[in-house]
Amino acid sequence: MHRPEPGKVYLFLVFSVGFLIALGFGLSYYETTTAGLDPLQLMVVGAALSISRLVFEVPTGMVADAVSRRLSVLIGLALIGLGMIVEGLFPAFIPILLAQVVWGLGYTFTSGATEAWLSDEIGEQRANRAFLAGKRFDLLGNLAGILLGMLLGSFTSVRTLILVSGAGWLLLTVLLV
């Protein structure tokens, strides 16, 4: 089986992440209109995401360093997708709160592990060049996600965009396996 060049995989990954984040960008709008969260609930949901990212950063970093950076990235992408899908399927405070914790946990699995994986694969010099190119690919992904989101949003709901984004995260995980 042919193994793709890690630098190209990285650029595909950062483009896809930028795209999926932009596509599912309407979370706050969804949380207030569809789920009907009030300002206090929105603050609690945001705090849950931030606190979960803080609490899980060290344990998930240990997984990346001790077990596998590649596996850590895959787990993180899958958890982000799962969090998005749970949020989209269950428009109520408690499921959204739990989804944000799952999303935060997923984020911490990818935080730093993606860059460390690439550096391990292609060396620090080439990785630094890939990181610069990756920023452009991330921005292009953002732009593509915004444009597709505007197009799809003209005839579907924000909830659908969130579910499509969540499914995209899971598909990205499968493609990277």
Protein backbone atom coordinates (compact mmCIF):
# COMPACT_ATOMS: atom_id res chain seq x y z
CA MET A 1 0.00 0.00 0.00
CA HIS A 2 1.33 3.43 -1.00
CA ARG A 3 2.01 5.75 1.94
CA PRO A 4 1.45 9.42 1.04
CA GLU A 5 4.20 11.96 1.66
CA PRO A 6 3.76 13.37 5.22
CA GLY A 7 4.10 17.00 4.10
CA LYS A 8 1.21 16.60 1.68
CA VAL A 9 -0.86 14.81 4.33
CA TYR A 10 -0.23 17.71 6.68
CA LEU A 11 -1.35 20.28 4.10
CA PHE A 12 -4.48 18.22 3.39
CA LEU A 13 -5.13 18.02 7.14
CA VAL A 14 -4.79 21.74 7.83
CA PHE A 15 -6.90 22.64 4.77
CA SER A 16 -9.60 20.20 5.93
CA VAL A 17 -9.57 21.43 9.52
CA GLY A 18 -9.85 25.06 8.37
CA PHE A 19 -12.69 24.08 6.04
CA LEU A 20 -14.63 22.11 8.67
CA ILE A 21 -14.24 24.78 11.34
CA ALA A 22 -15.58 27.44 8.97
CA LEU A 23 -18.40 25.18 7.77
CA GLY A 24 -19.60 24.58 11.34
CA PHE A 25 -19.00 28.18 12.40
CA GLY A 26 -22.67 28.88 13.15
CA LEU A 27 -22.55 27.13 16.54
CA SER A 28 -23.35 30.22 18.61
CA TYR A 29 -26.23 31.14 16.34
CA TYR A 30 -27.51 27.56 16.55
CA GLU A 31 -27.11 27.48 20.33
CA THR A 32 -29.25 30.60 20.76
CA THR A 33 -31.89 30.10 18.05
CA THR A 34 -32.38 26.35 17.67
CA ALA A 35 -31.36 25.17 21.14
CA GLY A 36 -32.70 28.27 22.87
CA LEU A 37 -29.80 28.70 25.28
CA ASP A 38 -29.91 31.83 27.40
CA PRO A 39 -26.85 34.06 28.03
CA LEU A 40 -25.88 32.24 31.25
CA GLN A 41 -26.07 28.84 29.54
CA LEU A 42 -23.96 30.16 26.65
CA MET A 43 -21.32 31.32 29.14
CA VAL A 44 -21.36 27.93 30.89
CA VAL A 45 -21.01 26.11 27.55
CA GLY A 46 -18.08 28.33 26.56
CA ALA A 47 -16.46 27.85 29.95
CA ALA A 48 -16.89 24.07 29.69
CA LEU A 49 -15.01 24.09 26.39
CA SER A 50 -12.20 26.24 27.80
CA ILE A 51 -11.92 24.29 31.06
CA SER A 52 -11.89 20.93 29.27
CA ARG A 53 -9.08 22.17 27.03
CA LEU A 54 -7.12 23.27 30.09
CA VAL A 55 -7.75 20.10 32.13
CA PHE A 56 -7.09 17.59 29.36
CA GLU A 57 -4.03 19.25 27.78
CA VAL A 58 -1.41 17.47 29.90
CA PRO A 59 -2.92 13.95 29.94
CA THR A 60 -3.55 13.94 26.20
CA GLY A 61 -0.08 15.34 25.56
CA MET A 62 1.32 12.41 27.51
CA VAL A 63 -0.62 10.04 25.25
CA ALA A 64 0.87 11.71 22.20
CA ASP A 65 4.40 11.55 23.59
CA ALA A 66 4.25 8.08 25.18
CA VAL A 67 2.02 6.17 22.75
CA SER A 68 1.72 7.77 19.32
CA ARG A 69 1.38 11.27 17.98
CA ARG A 70 -0.40 9.97 14.91
CA LEU A 71 -2.91 8.06 17.05
CA SER A 72 -3.41 11.13 19.22
CA VAL A 73 -4.28 13.24 16.16
CA LEU A 74 -6.73 10.60 14.91
CA ILE A 75 -8.44 10.31 18.31
CA GLY A 76 -8.68 14.10 18.52
CA LEU A 77 -10.25 14.51 15.08
CA ALA A 78 -12.78 11.77 15.80
CA LEU A 79 -13.74 13.32 19.16
CA ILE A 80 -14.19 16.76 17.61
CA GLY A 81 -16.48 15.20 14.99
CA LEU A 82 -18.41 13.30 17.67
CA GLY A 83 -18.83 16.50 19.70
CA MET A 84 -20.16 18.36 16.66
CA ILE A 85 -22.63 15.57 15.85
CA VAL A 86 -23.89 15.33 19.44
CA GLU A 87 -24.40 19.09 19.51
CA GLY A 88 -26.25 19.03 16.20
CA LEU A 89 -28.46 16.06 17.09
CA PHE A 90 -29.49 17.20 20.55
CA PRO A 91 -30.30 20.95 20.69
CA ALA A 92 -30.55 21.24 24.46
CA PHE A 93 -28.30 22.62 27.19
CA ILE A 94 -26.96 19.39 28.77
CA PRO A 95 -26.10 17.59 25.50
CA ILE A 96 -24.48 20.77 24.15
CA LEU A 97 -22.50 21.13 27.38
CA LEU A 98 -21.29 17.52 27.10
CA ALA A 99 -20.55 17.98 23.39
CA GLN A 100 -18.32 20.96 24.20
CA VAL A 101 -16.38 18.89 26.75
CA VAL A 102 -15.91 16.15 24.13
CA TRP A 103 -14.86 18.79 21.58
CA GLY A 104 -12.37 20.25 24.06
CA LEU A 105 -10.96 16.81 24.81
CA GLY A 106 -10.60 16.16 21.08
CA TYR A 107 -8.85 19.46 20.56
CA THR A 108 -6.26 18.64 23.23
CA PHE A 109 -5.44 15.34 21.52
CA THR A 110 -4.48 17.30 18.38
CA SER A 111 -2.87 20.29 20.13
CA GLY A 112 0.84 20.07 19.48
CA ALA A 113 0.63 16.44 18.38
CA THR A 114 0.01 17.37 14.75
CA GLU A 115 3.11 19.53 14.54
CA ALA A 116 5.22 17.07 16.53
CA TRP A 117 4.11 14.21 14.26
CA LEU A 118 5.11 16.14 11.14
CA SER A 119 8.48 17.13 12.63
CA ASP A 120 9.16 13.48 13.50
CA GLU A 121 8.25 12.40 9.98
CA ILE A 122 10.12 14.94 7.85
CA GLY A 123 12.54 16.69 10.19
CA GLU A 124 12.46 20.11 11.78
CA GLN A 125 13.77 22.10 8.78
CA ARG A 126 11.22 20.75 6.29
CA ALA A 127 8.48 20.88 8.93
CA ASN A 128 9.06 24.61 9.47
CA ARG A 129 8.51 25.23 5.75
CA ALA A 130 5.41 23.01 5.84
CA PHE A 131 4.01 25.00 8.79
CA LEU A 132 4.28 28.22 6.77
CA ALA A 133 2.57 26.61 3.78
CA GLY A 134 0.07 25.05 6.16
CA LYS A 135 -1.12 28.46 7.33
CA ARG A 136 -2.01 29.36 3.73
CA PHE A 137 -3.81 26.04 3.31
CA ASP A 138 -5.70 26.63 6.58
CA LEU A 139 -6.84 30.05 5.34
CA LEU A 140 -7.87 28.59 1.97
CA GLY A 141 -9.81 25.91 3.82
CA ASN A 142 -11.51 28.62 5.90
CA LEU A 143 -12.48 30.50 2.77
CA ALA A 144 -13.82 27.36 1.07
CA GLY A 145 -15.78 26.43 4.21
CA ILE A 146 -17.30 29.91 4.47
CA LEU A 147 -18.30 29.90 0.80
CA LEU A 148 -19.83 26.42 0.97
CA GLY A 149 -21.51 27.29 4.26
CA MET A 150 -23.09 30.38 2.69
CA LEU A 151 -24.23 28.36 -0.30
CA LEU A 152 -25.66 25.49 1.75
CA GLY A 153 -27.02 27.89 4.37
CA SER A 154 -29.22 29.52 1.76
CA PHE A 155 -31.35 26.37 1.53
CA THR A 156 -30.67 24.40 4.71
CA SER A 157 -30.39 25.02 8.45
CA VAL A 158 -27.36 25.85 10.57
CA ARG A 159 -28.06 22.58 12.38
CA THR A 160 -27.52 20.71 9.11
CA LEU A 161 -24.22 22.53 8.56
CA ILE A 162 -23.08 21.52 12.05
CA LEU A 163 -24.01 17.89 11.37
CA VAL A 164 -22.27 17.96 7.97
CA SER A 165 -19.18 19.46 9.61
CA GLY A 166 -19.24 16.75 12.31
CA ALA A 167 -19.54 14.04 9.68
CA GLY A 168 -16.67 15.70 7.82
CA TRP A 169 -14.44 15.43 10.90
CA LEU A 170 -15.22 11.71 11.11
CA LEU A 171 -14.60 11.24 7.38
CA LEU A 172 -11.29 13.10 7.71
CA THR A 173 -10.31 10.71 10.52
CA VAL A 174 -11.10 7.70 8.33
CA LEU A 175 -9.19 9.14 5.38
CA LEU A 176 -6.13 9.76 7.52
CA VAL A 177 -6.15 6.23 8.95
